[in-house]
Amino acid sequence: MVLGFLGLGVMGRPMAANLVTAGHQLVVWTRSGVPLDGARFAAGPEEVFEQAEVVFLTLAGAEAIDGVLGPHVAGRTVVHMGTTSPGYSAGVRDRIVAAGGRYVEAPVSGSRGPAEAGQLVAMLAGEEPDRDLVRPLLAPMCRAVVDCGSVPNGLLMKLAVNTFLISMVTGLAEAFHFAEGHGLDLTVLRSVLDAGPMASYVSRGKAEKIVDGDFAVQASVRDVHYNNRLIVAAAAERGIAAPLLDVCRELYAETEEQGFGGEDMVAVIRAMLSRSGLGTPTGSSRSAAGSAAAAAPPS
């Protein structure tokens, strides 16, 4: 079947490229107008829906998604792979089903590196026949696909996963801030953490970025702040305490307000340095992040 893809940003472009590499016929559209090798570039979202049976969305937020939906979703399966509030996603399902389409959530865990390597983890939610249709199509992009039941459980699961991710990376940044404040060798701290029981793919990669002062974006401060706000809001709706994420939200907001929203999430250490009255981290962070932000196409 012909597949469609809307949104070729930091995550969407490598994900779509993996579908092309796997041999799928792909028609794409993105606001930047930058084509994707091996895929047909459509004149607009409507043309994608006209040509494709299944359309993947990796769009930045509700406004962007609303802008591509309409009566043309009839007879199509729409796969929402980005991150929005669970309530919004449930509303999109209702709109698409009412228009004669089908809807599946498949938000992913992972940043740009895993997206490029086809090593994302998808959280699949929707009606069972629709999940069965979409599951094999995710294989070129994901190393694992986990069934989460009905909509909006995929988005709720994504927010639960991101609760751990955000608090973990923020804690890692604070550990390096603490060590630096006491004059410790940060490379030694990295060695200890990498060798210890808390080490993970994420901790090793993010620790290396902090030590090198490399804030080139994998998951941006801006996107993490957005995810953080979604988590806090979803927790508040159910009367669930989210004390760690309340603090993290403040730190990412401060980092973004300082003008570093386009840098990687480890740049949250900048807010800690600012609170401590210290300067910016050493290394090539500013130039690396600036280059990456200039090179990354918008979704």
Foldseek 3Di string as FASTA:
>chain_A
DEEEEEWCFLQRVLLVVLLQVVPHAYEYEYPLPDDHPNYHYDPALLVRLVPHQEYEYAADEDVVVVVNDDLSQANHEYEYAYAYFQVSQVVVQVVSVVSHHFYKYWHWDFWNVLQNVLDIETEIADPPVSCVVCVVSSNSNHPYYHYQYHGPRRNVVVLVVLLVVLLVLVVLLVVLVVCVVVVHQLVVVLVVQCPDPNDDPVSNVLSVCQNQLAFAAGPFLQNSLVSLVSSVVVCVVVVHDSVSSVVSNVLSVVLVVVPRRQTYNSQSNVSVCVVVVHDHGDHDHVVNNVVNSVPIDGD
